[in-house]
N, C-alpha and C. Protein backbone atom coordinates (compact mmCIF):
# COMPACT_ATOMS: atom_id res chain seq x y z
N UNK A 1 -21.91 105.51 32.06
CA UNK A 1 -20.46 105.40 32.08
C UNK A 1 -19.99 105.55 33.53
N UNK A 2 -19.11 104.65 33.98
CA UNK A 2 -18.62 104.68 35.35
C UNK A 2 -17.67 105.87 35.54
N UNK A 3 -17.36 106.16 36.81
CA UNK A 3 -16.44 107.25 37.11
C UNK A 3 -15.07 106.99 36.50
N UNK A 4 -14.61 105.75 36.58
CA UNK A 4 -13.30 105.41 36.03
C UNK A 4 -13.30 105.55 34.53
N UNK A 5 -14.33 105.03 33.90
CA UNK A 5 -14.42 105.13 32.44
C UNK A 5 -14.47 106.58 32.01
N UNK A 6 -15.20 107.40 32.76
CA UNK A 6 -15.28 108.82 32.43
C UNK A 6 -13.92 109.50 32.58
N UNK A 7 -13.18 109.17 33.65
CA UNK A 7 -11.86 109.75 33.86
C UNK A 7 -10.90 109.29 32.77
N UNK A 8 -10.98 108.01 32.41
CA UNK A 8 -10.11 107.48 31.35
C UNK A 8 -10.42 108.16 30.02
N UNK A 9 -11.69 108.33 29.74
CA UNK A 9 -12.09 108.99 28.49
C UNK A 9 -11.60 110.43 28.47
N UNK A 10 -11.72 111.12 29.60
CA UNK A 10 -11.28 112.51 29.68
C UNK A 10 -9.76 112.58 29.49
N UNK A 11 -9.03 111.64 30.10
CA UNK A 11 -7.57 111.63 29.99
C UNK A 11 -7.14 111.39 28.55
N UNK A 12 -7.85 110.53 27.83
CA UNK A 12 -7.44 110.23 26.46
C UNK A 12 -7.85 111.33 25.48
N UNK A 13 -8.89 112.08 25.79
CA UNK A 13 -9.35 113.14 24.88
C UNK A 13 -8.68 114.47 25.12
N UNK A 14 -8.29 114.76 26.35
CA UNK A 14 -7.77 116.08 26.65
C UNK A 14 -6.26 116.13 26.46
N UNK A 15 -5.76 117.34 26.27
CA UNK A 15 -4.31 117.46 26.21
C UNK A 15 -3.78 117.41 27.65
N UNK A 16 -2.48 117.28 27.78
CA UNK A 16 -1.88 117.10 29.10
C UNK A 16 -2.15 118.29 30.02
N UNK A 17 -2.11 119.48 29.48
CA UNK A 17 -2.34 120.66 30.29
C UNK A 17 -3.79 120.69 30.79
N UNK A 18 -4.70 120.43 29.89
CA UNK A 18 -6.13 120.41 30.23
C UNK A 18 -6.40 119.35 31.30
N UNK A 19 -5.76 118.20 31.18
CA UNK A 19 -5.94 117.12 32.14
C UNK A 19 -5.65 117.59 33.56
N UNK A 20 -4.63 118.43 33.71
CA UNK A 20 -4.24 118.91 35.03
C UNK A 20 -4.78 120.31 35.35
N UNK A 21 -5.60 120.85 34.46
CA UNK A 21 -6.18 122.17 34.70
C UNK A 21 -5.15 123.29 34.67
N UNK A 22 -4.16 123.15 33.81
CA UNK A 22 -3.09 124.15 33.71
C UNK A 22 -3.13 124.82 32.35
N UNK A 23 -2.70 126.08 32.29
CA UNK A 23 -2.63 126.74 30.98
C UNK A 23 -1.51 126.12 30.16
N UNK A 24 -1.69 125.98 28.85
CA UNK A 24 -0.64 125.42 28.02
C UNK A 24 0.51 126.41 27.84
N UNK A 25 1.55 126.23 28.64
CA UNK A 25 2.69 127.14 28.61
C UNK A 25 3.96 126.37 28.97
N UNK A 26 5.08 126.85 28.45
CA UNK A 26 6.35 126.22 28.77
C UNK A 26 6.76 126.53 30.21
N UNK A 27 6.62 127.80 30.58
CA UNK A 27 6.94 128.19 31.96
C UNK A 27 5.81 127.67 32.84
N UNK A 28 6.10 126.62 33.56
CA UNK A 28 5.07 125.90 34.29
C UNK A 28 5.35 125.96 35.78
N UNK A 29 4.31 126.16 36.55
CA UNK A 29 4.41 126.11 38.01
C UNK A 29 4.43 124.63 38.40
N UNK A 30 5.62 124.11 38.70
CA UNK A 30 5.76 122.69 39.00
C UNK A 30 5.03 122.30 40.27
N UNK A 31 4.87 123.22 41.20
CA UNK A 31 4.09 122.94 42.41
C UNK A 31 2.62 122.70 42.07
N UNK A 32 2.08 123.53 41.19
CA UNK A 32 0.69 123.33 40.76
C UNK A 32 0.53 122.03 39.99
N UNK A 33 1.52 121.71 39.16
CA UNK A 33 1.48 120.46 38.42
C UNK A 33 1.47 119.28 39.38
N UNK A 34 2.34 119.30 40.35
CA UNK A 34 2.44 118.21 41.33
C UNK A 34 1.12 118.03 42.08
N UNK A 35 0.56 119.14 42.51
CA UNK A 35 -0.71 119.09 43.25
C UNK A 35 -1.84 118.54 42.38
N UNK A 36 -1.92 119.05 41.15
CA UNK A 36 -2.97 118.59 40.22
C UNK A 36 -2.78 117.12 39.89
N UNK A 37 -1.53 116.71 39.72
CA UNK A 37 -1.23 115.31 39.41
C UNK A 37 -1.74 114.40 40.54
N UNK A 38 -1.40 114.75 41.77
CA UNK A 38 -1.83 113.92 42.90
C UNK A 38 -3.35 113.79 42.94
N UNK A 39 -4.03 114.88 42.68
CA UNK A 39 -5.49 114.86 42.70
C UNK A 39 -6.05 113.99 41.57
N UNK A 40 -5.54 114.17 40.36
CA UNK A 40 -6.06 113.43 39.21
C UNK A 40 -5.73 111.94 39.33
N UNK A 41 -4.48 111.63 39.68
CA UNK A 41 -4.10 110.21 39.74
C UNK A 41 -4.85 109.50 40.87
N UNK A 42 -5.14 110.20 41.94
CA UNK A 42 -5.90 109.57 43.03
C UNK A 42 -7.30 109.20 42.57
N UNK A 43 -7.86 109.97 41.67
CA UNK A 43 -9.23 109.69 41.22
C UNK A 43 -9.32 108.47 40.31
N UNK A 44 -8.20 108.06 39.72
CA UNK A 44 -8.23 106.91 38.81
C UNK A 44 -7.32 105.78 39.25
N UNK A 45 -6.70 105.92 40.41
CA UNK A 45 -5.73 104.91 40.85
C UNK A 45 -6.38 103.54 40.95
N UNK A 46 -5.72 102.50 40.44
CA UNK A 46 -6.27 101.14 40.43
C UNK A 46 -6.66 100.62 41.82
N UNK A 47 -5.99 101.05 42.87
CA UNK A 47 -6.35 100.59 44.21
C UNK A 47 -7.78 100.96 44.59
N UNK A 48 -8.27 102.06 44.04
CA UNK A 48 -9.64 102.48 44.32
C UNK A 48 -10.67 101.56 43.67
N UNK A 49 -10.22 100.78 42.71
CA UNK A 49 -11.14 99.94 41.95
C UNK A 49 -10.81 98.46 42.08
N UNK A 50 -10.18 98.11 43.19
CA UNK A 50 -9.76 96.71 43.40
C UNK A 50 -10.95 95.76 43.42
N UNK A 51 -12.11 96.23 43.86
CA UNK A 51 -13.29 95.37 43.96
C UNK A 51 -14.27 95.60 42.81
N UNK A 52 -13.86 96.37 41.83
CA UNK A 52 -14.73 96.65 40.68
C UNK A 52 -14.59 95.52 39.66
N UNK A 53 -15.38 95.58 38.63
CA UNK A 53 -15.33 94.59 37.57
C UNK A 53 -14.07 94.72 36.74
N UNK A 54 -13.83 93.71 35.92
CA UNK A 54 -12.61 93.69 35.09
C UNK A 54 -12.51 94.91 34.19
N UNK A 55 -13.59 95.26 33.55
CA UNK A 55 -13.57 96.40 32.61
C UNK A 55 -13.22 97.69 33.34
N UNK A 56 -13.78 97.87 34.52
CA UNK A 56 -13.52 99.10 35.27
C UNK A 56 -12.08 99.12 35.79
N UNK A 57 -11.57 97.98 36.22
CA UNK A 57 -10.17 97.91 36.67
C UNK A 57 -9.23 98.20 35.50
N UNK A 58 -9.54 97.65 34.35
CA UNK A 58 -8.72 97.88 33.15
C UNK A 58 -8.76 99.36 32.76
N UNK A 59 -9.93 99.95 32.81
CA UNK A 59 -10.06 101.38 32.49
C UNK A 59 -9.26 102.22 33.48
N UNK A 60 -9.28 101.82 34.74
CA UNK A 60 -8.52 102.54 35.76
C UNK A 60 -7.02 102.46 35.48
N UNK A 61 -6.55 101.26 35.11
CA UNK A 61 -5.13 101.10 34.80
C UNK A 61 -4.74 101.96 33.60
N UNK A 62 -5.58 101.97 32.58
CA UNK A 62 -5.28 102.77 31.39
C UNK A 62 -5.27 104.26 31.72
N UNK A 63 -6.24 104.68 32.53
CA UNK A 63 -6.31 106.09 32.91
C UNK A 63 -5.09 106.48 33.74
N UNK A 64 -4.72 105.64 34.70
CA UNK A 64 -3.56 105.93 35.54
C UNK A 64 -2.29 105.99 34.71
N UNK A 65 -2.16 105.09 33.75
CA UNK A 65 -1.00 105.09 32.86
C UNK A 65 -0.94 106.40 32.06
N UNK A 66 -2.08 106.81 31.53
CA UNK A 66 -2.14 108.06 30.78
C UNK A 66 -1.81 109.27 31.62
N UNK A 67 -2.32 109.29 32.85
CA UNK A 67 -2.05 110.40 33.76
C UNK A 67 -0.56 110.45 34.10
N UNK A 68 0.02 109.29 34.37
CA UNK A 68 1.46 109.25 34.69
C UNK A 68 2.31 109.71 33.52
N UNK A 69 1.96 109.30 32.32
CA UNK A 69 2.70 109.72 31.14
C UNK A 69 2.57 111.23 30.92
N UNK A 70 1.37 111.76 31.09
CA UNK A 70 1.16 113.21 30.95
C UNK A 70 2.00 113.97 31.98
N UNK A 71 2.02 113.47 33.19
CA UNK A 71 2.80 114.11 34.26
C UNK A 71 4.29 114.10 33.92
N UNK A 72 4.81 112.95 33.50
CA UNK A 72 6.24 112.86 33.14
C UNK A 72 6.58 113.81 32.00
N UNK A 73 5.68 113.93 31.04
CA UNK A 73 5.91 114.82 29.90
C UNK A 73 5.98 116.27 30.35
N UNK A 74 5.03 116.70 31.17
CA UNK A 74 5.00 118.11 31.57
C UNK A 74 6.09 118.44 32.58
N UNK A 75 6.49 117.48 33.36
CA UNK A 75 7.51 117.71 34.38
C UNK A 75 8.90 117.90 33.76
N UNK A 76 9.16 117.24 32.66
CA UNK A 76 10.48 117.29 32.02
C UNK A 76 10.54 118.46 31.03
N UNK A 77 11.50 119.37 31.19
CA UNK A 77 11.56 120.55 30.31
C UNK A 77 11.70 120.21 28.82
N UNK A 78 12.48 119.18 28.48
CA UNK A 78 12.63 118.82 27.06
C UNK A 78 11.33 118.24 26.53
N UNK A 79 10.78 117.28 27.24
CA UNK A 79 9.54 116.65 26.78
C UNK A 79 8.38 117.66 26.73
N UNK A 80 8.34 118.58 27.70
CA UNK A 80 7.29 119.62 27.71
C UNK A 80 7.43 120.50 26.46
N UNK A 81 8.68 120.87 26.14
CA UNK A 81 8.92 121.68 24.94
C UNK A 81 8.50 120.94 23.68
N UNK A 82 8.90 119.67 23.58
CA UNK A 82 8.51 118.87 22.42
C UNK A 82 6.99 118.78 22.32
N UNK A 83 6.33 118.56 23.43
CA UNK A 83 4.88 118.42 23.44
C UNK A 83 4.20 119.71 23.00
N UNK A 84 4.64 120.84 23.54
CA UNK A 84 4.05 122.13 23.15
C UNK A 84 4.28 122.42 21.67
N UNK A 85 5.47 122.11 21.20
CA UNK A 85 5.75 122.34 19.78
C UNK A 85 4.86 121.46 18.92
N UNK A 86 4.71 120.20 19.30
CA UNK A 86 3.83 119.29 18.55
C UNK A 86 2.40 119.81 18.56
N UNK A 87 1.95 120.39 19.69
CA UNK A 87 0.61 120.96 19.76
C UNK A 87 0.42 122.06 18.71
N UNK A 88 1.53 122.70 18.35
CA UNK A 88 1.48 123.80 17.37
C UNK A 88 2.00 123.38 16.01
N UNK A 89 2.05 122.07 15.79
CA UNK A 89 2.41 121.56 14.47
C UNK A 89 3.89 121.61 14.13
N UNK A 90 4.74 121.77 15.13
CA UNK A 90 6.17 121.85 14.89
C UNK A 90 6.83 120.59 15.43
N UNK A 91 7.44 119.84 14.54
CA UNK A 91 8.19 118.64 14.92
C UNK A 91 9.66 119.01 14.97
N UNK A 92 10.40 118.42 15.88
CA UNK A 92 11.82 118.73 16.00
C UNK A 92 12.63 118.19 14.83
N UNK A 93 12.15 117.17 14.18
CA UNK A 93 12.86 116.63 13.03
C UNK A 93 14.27 116.20 13.38
N UNK A 94 14.42 115.46 14.46
CA UNK A 94 15.74 115.09 14.94
C UNK A 94 16.53 114.25 13.93
N UNK A 95 15.81 113.51 13.10
CA UNK A 95 16.49 112.67 12.10
C UNK A 95 17.04 113.51 10.95
N UNK A 96 16.35 114.58 10.61
CA UNK A 96 16.75 115.38 9.45
C UNK A 96 17.40 116.70 9.83
N UNK A 97 17.09 117.23 10.98
CA UNK A 97 17.63 118.53 11.39
C UNK A 97 18.76 118.30 12.40
N UNK A 98 19.95 118.10 11.88
CA UNK A 98 21.08 117.79 12.75
C UNK A 98 22.08 118.93 12.84
N UNK A 99 21.94 119.95 12.03
CA UNK A 99 22.88 121.08 12.04
C UNK A 99 22.65 121.94 13.28
N UNK A 100 23.75 122.32 13.91
CA UNK A 100 23.70 123.21 15.06
C UNK A 100 24.68 124.35 14.81
N UNK A 101 24.42 125.50 15.42
CA UNK A 101 25.35 126.62 15.24
C UNK A 101 26.76 126.26 15.72
N UNK A 102 27.73 126.76 15.01
CA UNK A 102 29.14 126.46 15.33
C UNK A 102 29.47 126.83 16.77
N UNK A 103 29.04 127.99 17.23
CA UNK A 103 29.31 128.44 18.60
C UNK A 103 28.81 127.41 19.62
N UNK A 104 27.61 126.93 19.39
CA UNK A 104 27.02 125.97 20.31
C UNK A 104 27.82 124.67 20.32
N UNK A 105 28.21 124.21 19.15
CA UNK A 105 28.99 122.97 19.06
C UNK A 105 30.35 123.13 19.75
N UNK A 106 30.95 124.29 19.60
CA UNK A 106 32.23 124.54 20.27
C UNK A 106 32.04 124.53 21.79
N UNK A 107 30.97 125.15 22.24
CA UNK A 107 30.66 125.15 23.67
C UNK A 107 30.46 123.72 24.18
N UNK A 108 29.78 122.90 23.38
CA UNK A 108 29.56 121.51 23.75
C UNK A 108 30.88 120.75 23.86
N UNK A 109 31.78 121.00 22.93
CA UNK A 109 33.08 120.34 22.96
C UNK A 109 33.85 120.74 24.22
N UNK A 110 33.80 122.03 24.57
CA UNK A 110 34.48 122.50 25.77
C UNK A 110 33.90 121.85 27.02
N UNK A 111 32.58 121.75 27.07
CA UNK A 111 31.94 121.12 28.23
C UNK A 111 32.31 119.64 28.32
N UNK A 112 32.35 118.97 27.18
CA UNK A 112 32.73 117.55 27.15
C UNK A 112 34.18 117.38 27.61
N UNK A 113 35.04 118.29 27.20
CA UNK A 113 36.44 118.22 27.62
C UNK A 113 36.55 118.43 29.13
N UNK A 114 35.76 119.34 29.67
CA UNK A 114 35.75 119.56 31.12
C UNK A 114 35.28 118.31 31.84
N UNK A 115 34.26 117.66 31.29
CA UNK A 115 33.75 116.44 31.90
C UNK A 115 34.81 115.34 31.89
N UNK A 116 35.48 115.19 30.75
CA UNK A 116 36.53 114.16 30.66
C UNK A 116 37.70 114.46 31.59
N UNK A 117 38.00 115.73 31.81
CA UNK A 117 39.13 116.11 32.65
C UNK A 117 38.78 116.09 34.14
N UNK A 118 37.50 116.08 34.47
CA UNK A 118 37.08 116.12 35.87
C UNK A 118 37.48 114.81 36.57
N UNK A 119 38.29 114.94 37.60
CA UNK A 119 38.78 113.76 38.33
C UNK A 119 38.31 113.74 39.78
N UNK A 120 37.52 114.74 40.16
CA UNK A 120 37.07 114.81 41.55
C UNK A 120 35.61 115.23 41.61
N UNK A 121 35.01 115.00 42.75
CA UNK A 121 33.62 115.40 42.95
C UNK A 121 33.50 116.92 42.89
N UNK A 122 34.53 117.63 43.36
CA UNK A 122 34.50 119.10 43.30
C UNK A 122 34.49 119.60 41.86
N UNK A 123 35.29 118.98 41.01
CA UNK A 123 35.34 119.38 39.60
C UNK A 123 34.01 119.07 38.92
N UNK A 124 33.42 117.93 39.26
CA UNK A 124 32.11 117.58 38.69
C UNK A 124 31.04 118.54 39.18
N UNK A 125 31.10 118.92 40.45
CA UNK A 125 30.11 119.85 41.01
C UNK A 125 30.20 121.21 40.33
N UNK A 126 31.42 121.64 40.03
CA UNK A 126 31.61 122.92 39.33
C UNK A 126 30.98 122.85 37.94
N UNK A 127 31.22 121.75 37.24
CA UNK A 127 30.63 121.57 35.91
C UNK A 127 29.10 121.45 36.02
N UNK A 128 28.64 120.80 37.04
CA UNK A 128 27.19 120.65 37.25
C UNK A 128 26.52 122.02 37.42
N UNK A 129 27.15 122.90 38.18
CA UNK A 129 26.60 124.25 38.36
C UNK A 129 26.59 125.02 37.04
N UNK A 130 27.68 124.90 36.29
CA UNK A 130 27.75 125.58 35.00
C UNK A 130 26.66 125.07 34.07
N UNK A 131 26.50 123.76 34.03
CA UNK A 131 25.49 123.14 33.18
C UNK A 131 24.08 123.56 33.61
N UNK A 132 23.83 123.61 34.91
CA UNK A 132 22.52 124.03 35.41
C UNK A 132 22.21 125.46 34.97
N UNK A 133 23.21 126.33 35.00
CA UNK A 133 23.02 127.71 34.55
C UNK A 133 22.70 127.79 33.07
N UNK A 134 23.41 127.00 32.27
CA UNK A 134 23.15 126.97 30.83
C UNK A 134 21.74 126.46 30.54
N UNK A 135 21.34 125.41 31.24
CA UNK A 135 20.01 124.86 31.04
C UNK A 135 18.93 125.85 31.47
N UNK A 136 19.16 126.52 32.57
CA UNK A 136 18.19 127.52 33.05
C UNK A 136 18.02 128.65 32.03
N UNK A 137 19.13 129.10 31.47
CA UNK A 137 19.09 130.16 30.45
C UNK A 137 18.31 129.70 29.22
N UNK A 138 18.61 128.48 28.75
CA UNK A 138 17.89 127.95 27.59
C UNK A 138 16.39 127.81 27.88
N UNK A 139 16.06 127.33 29.06
CA UNK A 139 14.65 127.16 29.40
C UNK A 139 13.92 128.51 29.42
N UNK A 140 14.58 129.55 29.91
CA UNK A 140 13.98 130.88 29.89
C UNK A 140 13.79 131.36 28.44
N UNK A 141 14.76 131.06 27.59
CA UNK A 141 14.63 131.44 26.18
C UNK A 141 13.50 130.67 25.50
N UNK A 142 13.37 129.40 25.82
CA UNK A 142 12.28 128.60 25.25
C UNK A 142 10.94 129.16 25.70
N UNK A 143 10.83 129.50 26.97
CA UNK A 143 9.58 130.08 27.48
C UNK A 143 9.26 131.38 26.75
N UNK A 144 10.28 132.19 26.50
CA UNK A 144 10.06 133.44 25.76
C UNK A 144 9.56 133.18 24.35
N UNK A 145 10.18 132.21 23.69
CA UNK A 145 9.77 131.88 22.32
C UNK A 145 8.34 131.33 22.27
N UNK A 146 8.04 130.39 23.15
CA UNK A 146 6.74 129.72 23.09
C UNK A 146 5.64 130.56 23.73
N UNK A 147 5.86 130.98 24.97
CA UNK A 147 4.80 131.61 25.75
C UNK A 147 4.55 133.07 25.36
N UNK A 148 5.62 133.79 25.04
CA UNK A 148 5.47 135.22 24.81
C UNK A 148 5.36 135.58 23.32
N UNK A 149 6.30 135.04 22.53
CA UNK A 149 6.39 135.48 21.13
C UNK A 149 5.77 134.52 20.13
N UNK A 150 5.44 133.32 20.57
CA UNK A 150 4.86 132.29 19.68
C UNK A 150 5.78 132.00 18.48
N UNK A 151 7.09 132.01 18.74
CA UNK A 151 8.10 131.71 17.72
C UNK A 151 8.48 130.24 17.85
N UNK A 152 7.67 129.39 17.29
CA UNK A 152 7.84 127.95 17.50
C UNK A 152 9.07 127.37 16.80
N UNK A 153 9.42 127.88 15.63
CA UNK A 153 10.62 127.38 14.94
C UNK A 153 11.86 127.71 15.76
N UNK A 154 11.91 128.91 16.29
CA UNK A 154 13.04 129.29 17.16
C UNK A 154 13.08 128.46 18.42
N UNK A 155 11.92 128.17 18.95
CA UNK A 155 11.84 127.34 20.15
C UNK A 155 12.34 125.93 19.85
N UNK A 156 12.05 125.44 18.65
CA UNK A 156 12.49 124.09 18.28
C UNK A 156 14.02 124.01 18.30
N UNK A 157 14.68 125.03 17.78
CA UNK A 157 16.15 125.06 17.82
C UNK A 157 16.66 125.04 19.27
N UNK A 158 15.99 125.78 20.13
CA UNK A 158 16.40 125.83 21.53
C UNK A 158 16.14 124.51 22.25
N UNK A 159 15.04 123.86 21.94
CA UNK A 159 14.74 122.57 22.55
C UNK A 159 15.79 121.54 22.12
N UNK A 160 16.19 121.59 20.87
CA UNK A 160 17.25 120.69 20.40
C UNK A 160 18.55 120.93 21.19
N UNK A 161 18.86 122.20 21.44
CA UNK A 161 20.05 122.52 22.25
C UNK A 161 19.90 121.97 23.67
N UNK A 162 18.72 122.13 24.22
CA UNK A 162 18.47 121.63 25.58
C UNK A 162 18.64 120.11 25.63
N UNK A 163 18.30 119.44 24.55
CA UNK A 163 18.49 118.00 24.50
C UNK A 163 19.97 117.64 24.59
N UNK A 164 20.83 118.42 23.94
CA UNK A 164 22.27 118.21 24.03
C UNK A 164 22.73 118.35 25.48
N UNK A 165 22.23 119.40 26.15
CA UNK A 165 22.64 119.64 27.53
C UNK A 165 22.11 118.55 28.45
N UNK A 166 20.93 118.05 28.17
CA UNK A 166 20.38 116.95 28.97
C UNK A 166 21.25 115.70 28.85
N UNK A 167 21.73 115.44 27.63
CA UNK A 167 22.60 114.29 27.42
C UNK A 167 23.90 114.47 28.21
N UNK A 168 24.44 115.66 28.18
CA UNK A 168 25.65 115.94 28.95
C UNK A 168 25.37 115.76 30.44
N UNK A 169 24.21 116.18 30.89
CA UNK A 169 23.81 116.01 32.29
C UNK A 169 23.77 114.52 32.67
N UNK A 170 23.25 113.69 31.77
CA UNK A 170 23.24 112.24 32.02
C UNK A 170 24.66 111.71 32.14
N UNK A 171 25.54 112.18 31.27
CA UNK A 171 26.94 111.74 31.32
C UNK A 171 27.63 112.24 32.58
N UNK A 172 27.25 113.41 33.04
CA UNK A 172 27.79 113.94 34.29
C UNK A 172 27.36 113.06 35.47
N UNK A 173 26.11 112.66 35.47
CA UNK A 173 25.63 111.76 36.53
C UNK A 173 26.37 110.43 36.49
N UNK A 174 26.65 109.93 35.30
CA UNK A 174 27.41 108.68 35.16
C UNK A 174 28.84 108.88 35.70
N UNK A 175 29.41 110.05 35.49
CA UNK A 175 30.76 110.32 36.00
C UNK A 175 30.77 110.34 37.52
N UNK A 176 29.71 110.91 38.13
CA UNK A 176 29.59 110.87 39.59
C UNK A 176 29.53 109.42 40.06
N UNK A 177 28.74 108.61 39.40
CA UNK A 177 28.62 107.20 39.79
C UNK A 177 29.94 106.47 39.65
N UNK A 178 30.69 106.79 38.60
CA UNK A 178 31.98 106.15 38.39
C UNK A 178 32.98 106.56 39.49
N UNK A 179 32.89 107.80 39.94
CA UNK A 179 33.76 108.25 41.04
C UNK A 179 33.45 107.50 42.33
N UNK A 180 32.16 107.27 42.56
CA UNK A 180 31.74 106.60 43.79
C UNK A 180 32.07 105.11 43.78
N UNK A 181 32.24 104.54 42.59
CA UNK A 181 32.49 103.08 42.50
C UNK A 181 33.92 102.72 42.86
């Protein structure tokens, strides 16, 4: 088996954390992830196999694609949470689990109203800081549920909340773009 084929096989068999030599945890050292990613992707990058046979080039492309997908999953807090929960047999059930606590929904409505009322970059920046704080708090709670207490059902509820905040963050970025236009 060639080096590329071996790397591709390892990438397809191992979980994302194992691929990068990291412990499976929500609280992740993003610097270590970045460093491990660069090392792993360099070992399978298609440019290294430009003069290899078709099968080896194809294996390299597949391995690089898998490595990139694993990196994107672990780098993103929502996707990392979903991945860890799936590793433990917990699906978010987004199609069937749509109920959210009343307090959270009220908070979301208030944040949406602030976004709609924001008419300046300063107002958007203020909302952005508030949103960043809320997301940071949720991420710490998710880490506590998954990494410390192994409360995966509770973590699933928190990941769903984080998804709401991520959507609001996307809308905030769109509002910045609209201001600049």
